[in-house]
N, C-alpha and C. Protein backbone atom coordinates (compact mmCIF):
# COMPACT_ATOMS: atom_id res chain seq x y z
N MET A 1 8.99 -21.59 -0.24
CA MET A 1 8.89 -20.45 -0.90
C MET A 1 8.28 -20.57 -2.05
N ALA A 2 7.58 -19.34 -2.66
CA ALA A 2 6.70 -19.52 -3.65
C ALA A 2 7.44 -18.37 -4.67
N ARG A 3 7.03 -18.48 -6.01
CA ARG A 3 7.46 -17.36 -6.86
C ARG A 3 6.86 -15.97 -6.59
N GLY A 4 7.91 -15.03 -6.39
CA GLY A 4 7.19 -13.61 -6.19
C GLY A 4 6.56 -12.95 -7.66
N PRO A 5 6.11 -11.79 -7.43
CA PRO A 5 5.47 -11.17 -8.69
C PRO A 5 6.35 -11.00 -9.91
N ALA A 6 7.64 -10.81 -9.56
CA ALA A 6 8.56 -10.45 -10.62
C ALA A 6 9.32 -11.99 -10.92
N GLY A 7 8.83 -13.06 -10.48
CA GLY A 7 9.80 -14.17 -10.74
C GLY A 7 10.66 -14.63 -9.76
N GLY A 8 10.95 -13.61 -8.84
CA GLY A 8 11.90 -14.26 -7.71
C GLY A 8 11.30 -14.86 -6.58
N LEU A 9 12.08 -15.36 -5.83
CA LEU A 9 11.47 -16.14 -4.64
C LEU A 9 11.24 -15.16 -3.51
N TYR A 10 10.15 -15.31 -2.82
CA TYR A 10 9.78 -14.47 -1.67
C TYR A 10 8.75 -15.41 -0.83
N SER A 11 8.76 -14.96 0.52
CA SER A 11 8.21 -15.84 1.36
C SER A 11 6.57 -15.76 1.19
N GLY A 12 5.86 -14.76 0.82
CA GLY A 12 4.51 -14.78 0.80
C GLY A 12 3.58 -15.11 1.88
N PHE A 13 4.17 -15.03 2.91
CA PHE A 13 3.30 -15.33 4.26
C PHE A 13 3.20 -14.13 5.12
N ALA A 14 2.24 -14.01 5.83
CA ALA A 14 2.05 -12.96 6.86
C ALA A 14 2.96 -13.41 8.03
N ARG A 15 3.81 -12.67 8.37
CA ARG A 15 4.55 -12.73 9.64
C ARG A 15 3.63 -12.05 10.72
N GLN A 16 3.23 -13.08 11.77
CA GLN A 16 2.52 -12.63 12.80
C GLN A 16 3.13 -12.02 13.98
N PRO A 17 2.79 -10.97 14.70
CA PRO A 17 3.51 -10.43 15.69
C PRO A 17 3.67 -11.38 16.77
N ASP A 18 2.74 -12.17 16.98
CA ASP A 18 2.47 -12.94 18.23
C ASP A 18 3.10 -14.53 18.01
N GLY A 19 3.59 -14.72 16.86
CA GLY A 19 4.13 -16.03 16.40
C GLY A 19 3.03 -17.24 16.26
N THR A 20 1.75 -16.90 16.22
CA THR A 20 0.73 -17.99 16.23
C THR A 20 0.13 -18.13 14.89
N GLY A 21 0.58 -17.37 13.84
CA GLY A 21 0.06 -17.58 12.52
C GLY A 21 -1.38 -16.76 12.59
N ARG A 22 -1.77 -16.08 13.63
CA ARG A 22 -3.00 -15.34 13.61
C ARG A 22 -2.76 -13.90 13.55
N THR A 23 -3.53 -12.96 13.05
CA THR A 23 -3.31 -11.49 13.37
C THR A 23 -3.77 -11.22 14.53
N MET A 24 -3.17 -10.47 15.19
CA MET A 24 -3.54 -9.99 16.66
C MET A 24 -4.78 -9.13 16.59
N ASP A 25 -4.90 -8.23 15.49
CA ASP A 25 -6.00 -7.36 15.60
C ASP A 25 -6.73 -7.46 14.28
N GLY A 26 -6.57 -8.54 13.51
CA GLY A 26 -7.26 -8.69 12.45
C GLY A 26 -6.95 -7.87 11.12
N ARG A 27 -5.98 -7.15 11.29
CA ARG A 27 -5.76 -6.09 10.28
C ARG A 27 -4.06 -6.27 9.84
N THR A 28 -4.09 -6.83 8.51
CA THR A 28 -2.92 -7.28 7.97
C THR A 28 -2.57 -6.23 7.05
N VAL A 29 -1.37 -5.87 6.90
CA VAL A 29 -0.74 -4.89 5.99
C VAL A 29 -0.10 -5.61 4.80
N ALA A 30 -0.18 -5.53 3.57
CA ALA A 30 0.51 -5.93 2.47
C ALA A 30 1.48 -5.15 1.99
N VAL A 31 2.74 -5.34 1.99
CA VAL A 31 3.82 -4.34 1.67
C VAL A 31 4.45 -4.94 0.32
N GLY A 32 4.47 -4.02 -0.55
CA GLY A 32 5.11 -4.31 -1.87
C GLY A 32 6.32 -3.22 -2.19
N VAL A 33 7.44 -3.59 -2.56
CA VAL A 33 8.28 -2.42 -3.05
C VAL A 33 9.15 -2.89 -4.24
N ASP A 34 9.65 -1.98 -4.93
CA ASP A 34 10.57 -2.44 -6.18
C ASP A 34 12.02 -2.14 -5.43
N HIS A 35 13.03 -2.22 -6.51
CA HIS A 35 14.39 -2.19 -6.11
C HIS A 35 14.65 -0.83 -5.52
N ALA A 36 14.09 0.19 -5.84
CA ALA A 36 14.16 1.64 -5.51
C ALA A 36 13.72 1.79 -4.12
N GLY A 37 12.49 1.02 -3.92
CA GLY A 37 11.83 1.16 -2.53
C GLY A 37 12.44 0.20 -1.46
N PHE A 38 13.33 -0.57 -1.92
CA PHE A 38 13.82 -1.70 -0.92
C PHE A 38 14.35 -1.03 0.19
N PRO A 39 15.20 -0.03 0.19
CA PRO A 39 15.91 0.51 1.32
C PRO A 39 14.76 0.71 2.39
N LEU A 40 13.54 1.30 2.07
CA LEU A 40 12.50 1.70 3.01
C LEU A 40 11.75 0.61 3.69
N LYS A 41 11.83 -0.62 2.90
CA LYS A 41 10.95 -1.74 3.49
C LYS A 41 11.30 -2.29 4.96
N ARG A 42 12.69 -2.38 5.09
CA ARG A 42 12.88 -2.94 6.60
C ARG A 42 12.32 -2.11 7.60
N PRO A 43 12.60 -0.65 7.50
CA PRO A 43 12.10 0.21 8.68
C PRO A 43 10.51 0.04 8.68
N LEU A 44 9.81 0.09 7.51
CA LEU A 44 8.28 0.11 7.60
C LEU A 44 7.81 -1.30 8.25
N VAL A 45 8.43 -2.45 7.58
CA VAL A 45 7.97 -3.67 8.27
C VAL A 45 8.23 -3.77 9.66
N GLU A 46 9.49 -3.37 10.06
CA GLU A 46 9.62 -3.37 11.68
C GLU A 46 8.73 -2.36 12.56
N ARG A 47 8.44 -1.20 11.99
CA ARG A 47 7.46 -0.56 12.67
C ARG A 47 6.00 -1.21 12.48
N LEU A 48 5.73 -1.72 11.64
CA LEU A 48 4.25 -2.33 11.47
C LEU A 48 4.45 -3.59 12.57
N GLU A 49 5.18 -4.44 12.41
CA GLU A 49 5.33 -5.59 13.49
C GLU A 49 5.62 -5.14 14.71
N ARG A 50 6.26 -4.12 15.15
CA ARG A 50 6.57 -3.37 16.51
C ARG A 50 5.15 -3.03 16.99
N ASN A 51 4.32 -2.55 16.05
CA ASN A 51 3.07 -2.00 16.48
C ASN A 51 1.77 -3.01 16.37
N GLY A 52 2.14 -4.27 16.37
CA GLY A 52 1.19 -5.53 16.47
C GLY A 52 0.48 -5.69 15.15
N ARG A 53 1.10 -5.38 14.04
CA ARG A 53 0.35 -5.51 12.58
C ARG A 53 1.12 -6.88 12.05
N ALA A 54 0.50 -7.46 11.59
CA ALA A 54 0.66 -8.66 10.58
C ALA A 54 1.28 -8.05 9.45
N VAL A 55 2.32 -8.53 8.66
CA VAL A 55 2.89 -8.14 7.53
C VAL A 55 2.80 -9.35 6.43
N LEU A 56 2.13 -8.99 5.44
CA LEU A 56 2.17 -9.83 4.26
C LEU A 56 3.23 -9.09 3.24
N ASP A 57 4.50 -9.85 3.32
CA ASP A 57 5.58 -9.19 2.63
C ASP A 57 5.40 -9.83 1.13
N LEU A 58 5.34 -8.96 0.18
CA LEU A 58 5.16 -9.37 -1.08
C LEU A 58 6.20 -9.05 -2.05
N GLY A 59 7.39 -8.80 -1.57
CA GLY A 59 8.63 -8.38 -2.17
C GLY A 59 8.80 -7.02 -2.46
N ALA A 60 9.69 -6.47 -3.09
CA ALA A 60 10.95 -7.16 -3.73
C ALA A 60 11.91 -7.55 -2.48
N ASP A 61 12.86 -8.44 -2.73
CA ASP A 61 13.90 -8.82 -1.61
C ASP A 61 15.27 -8.47 -1.97
N GLY A 62 15.38 -7.29 -2.60
CA GLY A 62 16.66 -6.88 -2.86
C GLY A 62 16.73 -5.50 -3.71
N THR A 63 17.98 -5.15 -4.03
CA THR A 63 17.97 -3.97 -4.87
C THR A 63 18.22 -4.38 -6.55
N GLY A 64 18.12 -5.38 -6.80
CA GLY A 64 18.34 -5.70 -8.17
C GLY A 64 17.07 -5.38 -9.02
N PRO A 65 17.36 -4.95 -10.32
CA PRO A 65 16.02 -4.22 -11.03
C PRO A 65 14.83 -5.36 -11.22
N VAL A 66 13.90 -4.72 -10.79
CA VAL A 66 12.51 -5.32 -11.05
C VAL A 66 11.65 -4.17 -11.59
N ASP A 67 10.37 -4.82 -11.86
CA ASP A 67 9.28 -3.89 -12.66
C ASP A 67 8.18 -3.75 -11.40
N TYR A 68 8.12 -2.35 -11.17
CA TYR A 68 7.36 -1.98 -9.87
C TYR A 68 5.74 -2.49 -10.24
N PRO A 69 5.11 -2.38 -11.27
CA PRO A 69 3.82 -2.87 -11.63
C PRO A 69 3.61 -4.32 -11.00
N ASP A 70 4.47 -4.99 -11.03
CA ASP A 70 4.50 -6.54 -10.46
C ASP A 70 4.02 -6.40 -8.98
N TYR A 71 4.57 -5.46 -8.20
CA TYR A 71 4.50 -5.61 -6.82
C TYR A 71 3.04 -4.61 -6.58
N ALA A 72 2.79 -3.60 -7.30
CA ALA A 72 1.44 -2.94 -7.23
C ALA A 72 0.36 -4.05 -7.24
N PHE A 73 0.54 -4.75 -8.20
CA PHE A 73 -0.53 -5.78 -8.82
C PHE A 73 -0.76 -6.78 -7.47
N ALA A 74 0.46 -7.10 -6.95
CA ALA A 74 0.45 -8.12 -6.00
C ALA A 74 -0.48 -7.83 -4.65
N VAL A 75 -0.06 -6.52 -4.53
CA VAL A 75 -0.76 -5.79 -3.30
C VAL A 75 -2.23 -5.65 -3.64
N ALA A 76 -2.68 -5.39 -4.72
CA ALA A 76 -3.92 -5.04 -5.15
C ALA A 76 -4.82 -6.44 -4.88
N ARG A 77 -3.97 -7.49 -5.23
CA ARG A 77 -4.50 -8.94 -5.38
C ARG A 77 -4.79 -9.25 -3.95
N ALA A 78 -3.92 -9.06 -3.07
CA ALA A 78 -4.08 -9.30 -1.58
C ALA A 78 -5.06 -8.50 -0.89
N LEU A 79 -5.36 -7.34 -1.49
CA LEU A 79 -6.58 -6.64 -0.97
C LEU A 79 -7.89 -7.17 -1.46
N ARG A 80 -7.86 -7.56 -2.65
CA ARG A 80 -9.12 -7.98 -3.28
C ARG A 80 -9.52 -9.34 -2.61
N ASP A 81 -8.45 -10.35 -2.31
CA ASP A 81 -8.75 -11.62 -1.97
C ASP A 81 -8.72 -11.58 -0.32
N GLY A 82 -8.80 -10.44 0.39
CA GLY A 82 -9.01 -10.32 1.73
C GLY A 82 -7.91 -10.90 2.55
N GLU A 83 -6.71 -10.91 1.93
CA GLU A 83 -5.43 -11.32 2.70
C GLU A 83 -5.06 -10.21 3.46
N ALA A 84 -5.44 -8.85 3.21
CA ALA A 84 -4.82 -7.72 4.00
C ALA A 84 -5.85 -6.72 3.83
N GLU A 85 -5.88 -5.95 4.86
CA GLU A 85 -6.99 -4.80 4.71
C GLU A 85 -6.27 -3.41 4.34
N PHE A 86 -4.91 -3.25 4.41
CA PHE A 86 -4.35 -2.21 3.83
C PHE A 86 -3.06 -2.57 3.08
N GLY A 87 -2.58 -1.66 2.36
CA GLY A 87 -1.27 -1.91 1.71
C GLY A 87 -0.41 -0.77 1.59
N VAL A 88 0.81 -1.18 1.65
CA VAL A 88 1.92 0.02 1.51
C VAL A 88 2.67 -0.33 0.32
N LEU A 89 3.01 0.57 -0.58
CA LEU A 89 3.83 0.46 -1.61
C LEU A 89 5.02 1.35 -1.77
N VAL A 90 6.11 1.20 -2.14
CA VAL A 90 7.26 2.04 -2.34
C VAL A 90 7.93 1.69 -3.43
N CYS A 91 8.19 2.59 -4.36
CA CYS A 91 9.17 2.92 -5.35
C CYS A 91 9.97 4.04 -5.38
N GLY A 92 10.68 4.46 -6.17
CA GLY A 92 11.59 5.45 -6.26
C GLY A 92 10.97 6.78 -5.90
N ALA A 93 9.87 7.23 -6.73
CA ALA A 93 9.19 8.47 -6.29
C ALA A 93 7.68 8.16 -5.68
N GLY A 94 7.24 6.94 -5.79
CA GLY A 94 5.86 6.53 -5.35
C GLY A 94 4.81 6.68 -6.46
N VAL A 95 5.04 7.30 -7.45
CA VAL A 95 4.25 7.66 -8.67
C VAL A 95 3.93 6.37 -9.47
N GLY A 96 4.81 5.71 -9.80
CA GLY A 96 4.53 4.51 -10.60
C GLY A 96 3.49 3.40 -9.90
N MET A 97 4.08 3.14 -8.47
CA MET A 97 3.44 2.29 -7.69
C MET A 97 1.81 2.77 -7.69
N SER A 98 1.69 4.10 -7.47
CA SER A 98 0.26 4.40 -6.98
C SER A 98 -0.64 4.56 -8.26
N ILE A 99 0.04 4.81 -9.62
CA ILE A 99 -0.73 4.48 -10.75
C ILE A 99 -1.05 3.11 -11.00
N ALA A 100 -0.08 2.18 -10.81
CA ALA A 100 -0.55 0.98 -11.02
C ALA A 100 -1.35 0.33 -10.23
N ALA A 101 -1.41 0.77 -8.89
CA ALA A 101 -2.34 -0.01 -8.02
C ALA A 101 -3.80 0.68 -8.40
N ASN A 102 -3.85 2.01 -8.68
CA ASN A 102 -5.24 2.73 -8.81
C ASN A 102 -5.71 2.11 -10.17
N ARG A 103 -5.18 1.29 -10.81
CA ARG A 103 -5.74 0.73 -11.97
C ARG A 103 -7.16 -0.23 -11.62
N TYR A 104 -7.11 -0.56 -10.33
CA TYR A 104 -8.16 -1.40 -9.86
C TYR A 104 -9.28 -0.67 -8.95
N PRO A 105 -10.45 -0.90 -9.24
CA PRO A 105 -11.46 -0.18 -8.57
C PRO A 105 -11.59 -0.34 -6.84
N TRP A 106 -11.06 -1.56 -6.36
CA TRP A 106 -11.15 -1.50 -5.00
C TRP A 106 -9.94 -1.01 -4.18
N VAL A 107 -8.95 -0.45 -4.98
CA VAL A 107 -7.65 0.12 -4.37
C VAL A 107 -7.87 1.72 -4.55
N ARG A 108 -7.62 2.26 -3.39
CA ARG A 108 -7.45 3.83 -3.55
C ARG A 108 -6.33 4.14 -2.79
N ALA A 109 -5.14 4.06 -3.78
CA ALA A 109 -3.86 4.36 -3.18
C ALA A 109 -3.47 5.96 -3.31
N ALA A 110 -2.93 6.27 -2.20
CA ALA A 110 -2.57 7.70 -2.10
C ALA A 110 -1.03 7.96 -1.89
N LEU A 111 -0.45 8.62 -2.92
CA LEU A 111 0.91 9.10 -2.69
C LEU A 111 1.11 10.14 -1.68
N CYS A 112 1.89 9.94 -0.67
CA CYS A 112 1.90 10.94 0.47
C CYS A 112 3.35 11.17 0.59
N HIS A 113 3.53 12.49 0.83
CA HIS A 113 5.03 13.01 1.25
C HIS A 113 5.02 13.62 2.64
N ASP A 114 3.92 13.59 3.58
CA ASP A 114 3.96 14.01 4.78
C ASP A 114 2.86 13.45 5.71
N ALA A 115 2.91 13.45 6.93
CA ALA A 115 1.96 12.82 7.73
C ALA A 115 0.49 13.37 7.64
N ALA A 116 0.38 14.68 7.28
CA ALA A 116 -0.80 15.30 7.30
C ALA A 116 -1.60 14.83 5.92
N ALA A 117 -0.84 14.57 4.85
CA ALA A 117 -1.44 14.06 3.64
C ALA A 117 -1.93 12.58 3.96
N ALA A 118 -1.10 11.73 4.66
CA ALA A 118 -1.37 10.37 4.86
C ALA A 118 -2.65 10.41 5.84
N ARG A 119 -2.77 11.33 6.83
CA ARG A 119 -3.92 11.20 7.50
C ARG A 119 -5.22 11.50 6.87
N LEU A 120 -5.13 12.61 6.04
CA LEU A 120 -6.36 13.18 5.21
C LEU A 120 -6.77 12.00 4.02
N ALA A 121 -5.73 11.35 3.60
CA ALA A 121 -5.96 10.33 2.72
C ALA A 121 -6.89 9.17 3.30
N ARG A 122 -6.82 9.08 4.53
CA ARG A 122 -7.62 8.05 5.14
C ARG A 122 -9.01 8.65 5.51
N GLU A 123 -8.94 9.76 6.05
CA GLU A 123 -10.23 10.50 6.59
C GLU A 123 -11.08 10.91 5.52
N HIS A 124 -10.43 11.50 4.39
CA HIS A 124 -11.47 11.99 3.43
C HIS A 124 -11.71 11.21 2.36
N ASN A 125 -10.66 10.39 2.04
CA ASN A 125 -10.58 9.63 0.71
C ASN A 125 -10.69 8.00 0.96
N ASP A 126 -10.64 7.68 2.33
CA ASP A 126 -10.78 6.16 2.44
C ASP A 126 -9.84 5.39 1.66
N ALA A 127 -8.59 6.03 1.76
CA ALA A 127 -7.36 5.25 1.10
C ALA A 127 -7.16 3.97 1.90
N ASN A 128 -6.87 3.00 0.97
CA ASN A 128 -6.41 1.75 1.51
C ASN A 128 -4.90 1.18 1.17
N VAL A 129 -4.38 1.91 0.49
CA VAL A 129 -2.95 1.76 0.17
C VAL A 129 -2.25 3.12 0.32
N LEU A 130 -1.07 3.13 1.03
CA LEU A 130 -0.22 4.21 1.18
C LEU A 130 1.04 3.92 0.22
N ALA A 131 1.24 4.93 -0.62
CA ALA A 131 2.32 4.95 -1.59
C ALA A 131 3.27 5.88 -1.11
N LEU A 132 4.57 5.27 -1.11
CA LEU A 132 5.93 6.37 -0.84
C LEU A 132 6.84 6.22 -1.81
N GLY A 133 7.63 7.37 -1.78
CA GLY A 133 8.68 7.47 -2.67
C GLY A 133 10.07 7.30 -1.78
N ALA A 134 10.82 6.31 -1.94
CA ALA A 134 12.05 6.05 -1.28
C ALA A 134 13.02 7.31 -1.74
N ARG A 135 13.13 7.71 -2.78
CA ARG A 135 14.03 8.70 -3.23
C ARG A 135 13.72 10.17 -2.89
N VAL A 136 12.58 10.38 -2.45
CA VAL A 136 11.98 11.62 -2.11
C VAL A 136 11.35 11.82 -0.64
N VAL A 137 11.40 10.72 0.11
CA VAL A 137 10.95 10.83 1.60
C VAL A 137 11.78 10.22 2.51
N PRO A 138 12.32 10.86 3.40
CA PRO A 138 13.21 10.34 4.39
C PRO A 138 12.49 9.32 5.28
N VAL A 139 13.43 8.34 5.74
CA VAL A 139 12.82 7.36 6.41
C VAL A 139 12.13 7.83 7.51
N GLU A 140 12.50 8.77 8.39
CA GLU A 140 11.46 9.31 9.56
C GLU A 140 10.13 9.75 9.03
N THR A 141 10.31 10.55 7.81
CA THR A 141 8.90 11.10 7.36
C THR A 141 8.13 9.87 6.81
N ALA A 142 8.77 8.84 6.14
CA ALA A 142 7.84 7.47 5.85
C ALA A 142 7.32 7.03 7.01
N LEU A 143 8.06 6.86 8.12
CA LEU A 143 7.52 6.23 9.21
C LEU A 143 6.18 7.05 9.84
N GLU A 144 6.37 8.39 9.89
CA GLU A 144 5.39 9.28 10.44
C GLU A 144 4.02 9.11 9.38
N CYS A 145 4.38 8.90 8.15
CA CYS A 145 3.32 8.89 7.22
C CYS A 145 2.59 7.38 7.42
N LEU A 146 3.32 6.35 7.54
CA LEU A 146 2.83 5.10 7.91
C LEU A 146 1.83 5.29 9.22
N ALA A 147 2.35 5.83 10.28
CA ALA A 147 1.57 5.94 11.49
C ALA A 147 0.48 6.75 11.40
N ALA A 148 0.57 7.88 10.71
CA ALA A 148 -0.77 8.69 10.60
C ALA A 148 -1.73 7.87 9.70
N PHE A 149 -1.29 7.19 8.59
CA PHE A 149 -2.13 6.35 7.80
C PHE A 149 -3.10 5.41 8.45
N LEU A 150 -2.36 4.73 9.25
CA LEU A 150 -2.78 3.58 9.90
C LEU A 150 -3.70 4.00 11.17
N GLU A 151 -3.41 5.03 11.79
CA GLU A 151 -4.32 5.62 13.10
C GLU A 151 -5.37 6.11 12.58
N ALA A 152 -5.66 6.93 11.56
CA ALA A 152 -6.73 7.63 11.08
C ALA A 152 -7.84 6.71 10.38
N GLY A 153 -8.98 7.08 10.49
CA GLY A 153 -10.20 6.29 10.09
C GLY A 153 -10.88 7.13 9.21
N PHE A 154 -11.62 6.54 8.30
CA PHE A 154 -12.40 7.27 7.42
C PHE A 154 -13.70 7.87 8.01
N GLU A 155 -13.80 9.19 7.75
CA GLU A 155 -14.87 10.11 8.38
C GLU A 155 -16.19 10.02 7.98
N GLY A 156 -16.39 9.44 6.61
CA GLY A 156 -17.54 9.21 6.06
C GLY A 156 -18.33 10.57 5.84
N GLY A 157 -19.63 10.63 6.11
CA GLY A 157 -20.43 11.78 5.67
C GLY A 157 -20.33 12.35 4.34
N ARG A 158 -19.89 13.49 4.28
CA ARG A 158 -19.74 14.17 2.75
C ARG A 158 -18.97 13.47 2.00
N HIS A 159 -17.95 12.82 2.65
CA HIS A 159 -16.64 12.26 2.00
C HIS A 159 -17.20 10.97 1.41
N ALA A 160 -18.15 10.26 2.08
CA ALA A 160 -18.68 8.96 1.58
C ALA A 160 -19.17 9.07 0.13
N ARG A 161 -19.85 10.29 -0.17
CA ARG A 161 -20.52 10.34 -1.35
C ARG A 161 -19.68 10.68 -2.29
N ARG A 162 -18.36 11.23 -2.13
CA ARG A 162 -17.46 11.35 -3.06
C ARG A 162 -16.57 10.15 -3.18
N VAL A 163 -16.21 9.35 -2.44
CA VAL A 163 -15.70 8.00 -2.51
C VAL A 163 -16.54 7.14 -3.22
N GLY A 164 -17.80 7.39 -3.04
CA GLY A 164 -18.67 6.53 -3.98
C GLY A 164 -18.56 6.66 -5.50
N LYS A 165 -18.46 7.93 -5.89
CA LYS A 165 -18.17 8.58 -7.11
C LYS A 165 -16.94 7.85 -7.73
N LEU A 166 -15.90 7.51 -7.04
CA LEU A 166 -14.62 6.79 -7.35
C LEU A 166 -15.04 5.65 -7.86
N ALA A 167 -15.81 4.78 -7.23
CA ALA A 167 -16.07 3.57 -7.42
C ALA A 167 -16.94 3.20 -8.95
N ALA A 168 -17.68 4.38 -9.21
CA ALA A 168 -18.56 4.34 -10.37
C ALA A 168 -18.38 5.67 -11.21
N PRO A 169 -17.29 5.84 -11.69
CA PRO A 169 -17.25 7.06 -12.71
C PRO A 169 -18.19 6.99 -13.81
N PRO A 170 -18.36 8.30 -14.33
CA PRO A 170 -19.51 8.28 -15.43
C PRO A 170 -18.78 8.01 -16.56
N ARG A 171 -19.40 7.40 -17.59
CA ARG A 171 -18.88 7.08 -18.88
C ARG A 171 -18.54 8.41 -19.60
N LEU A 172 -17.49 8.41 -20.23
CA LEU A 172 -16.98 9.72 -20.93
C LEU A 172 -17.50 9.49 -22.35
N ARG A 173 -17.88 10.57 -23.06
CA ARG A 173 -18.46 10.52 -24.49
C ARG A 173 -17.68 11.39 -25.31
N GLY A 174 -17.56 10.98 -26.76
CA GLY A 174 -17.04 11.95 -27.39
C GLY A 174 -15.38 12.00 -27.45
N ARG A 175 -14.83 12.87 -28.00
CA ARG A 175 -13.22 13.11 -27.94
C ARG A 175 -12.60 12.60 -26.81
N ASP A 176 -13.01 12.69 -25.71
CA ASP A 176 -12.43 12.31 -24.53
C ASP A 176 -12.59 11.12 -24.07
N ALA A 177 -13.31 10.25 -24.88
CA ALA A 177 -13.81 8.86 -24.46
C ALA A 177 -12.61 8.28 -24.49
N ALA A 178 -12.43 7.08 -23.58
CA ALA A 178 -11.23 6.07 -23.77
C ALA A 178 -11.67 4.92 -24.56
């Protein structure tokens, strides 16, 4: 066992559906939740595994208070390091996780409340992280979002130009400069 992002213990390994230690389709999904998102974790992980996805479980492992940025950062790191192709983040409303994850230029986290938004996040925005709010999205809706997100592909075309602008935003000058 390794130390988890918030200092707790977690497995930190990808559970492979075929039990061999290899991903069956080469597409691992990193999952990170905080204490508020924990109730959605099991149904999401079970659905991923049932659909032949490998799951990189980055915690949390219970409902004790933890800090959501730690789990968003862990999923971002897994994407950067090539340990996962997609990520799923869950906190109370999904807002904090999506803000934290989007601090990294290689992450395009989309907060979704329905399957249509999840599908469009992939098709139009090439989102690679699905963010959900356990306090605002019922389990069935979360599972529908997950399926739509993973089944959709990036359409490219006119959307590619727009996504490219996300990777290299213009520098702001004057009063609005950061």
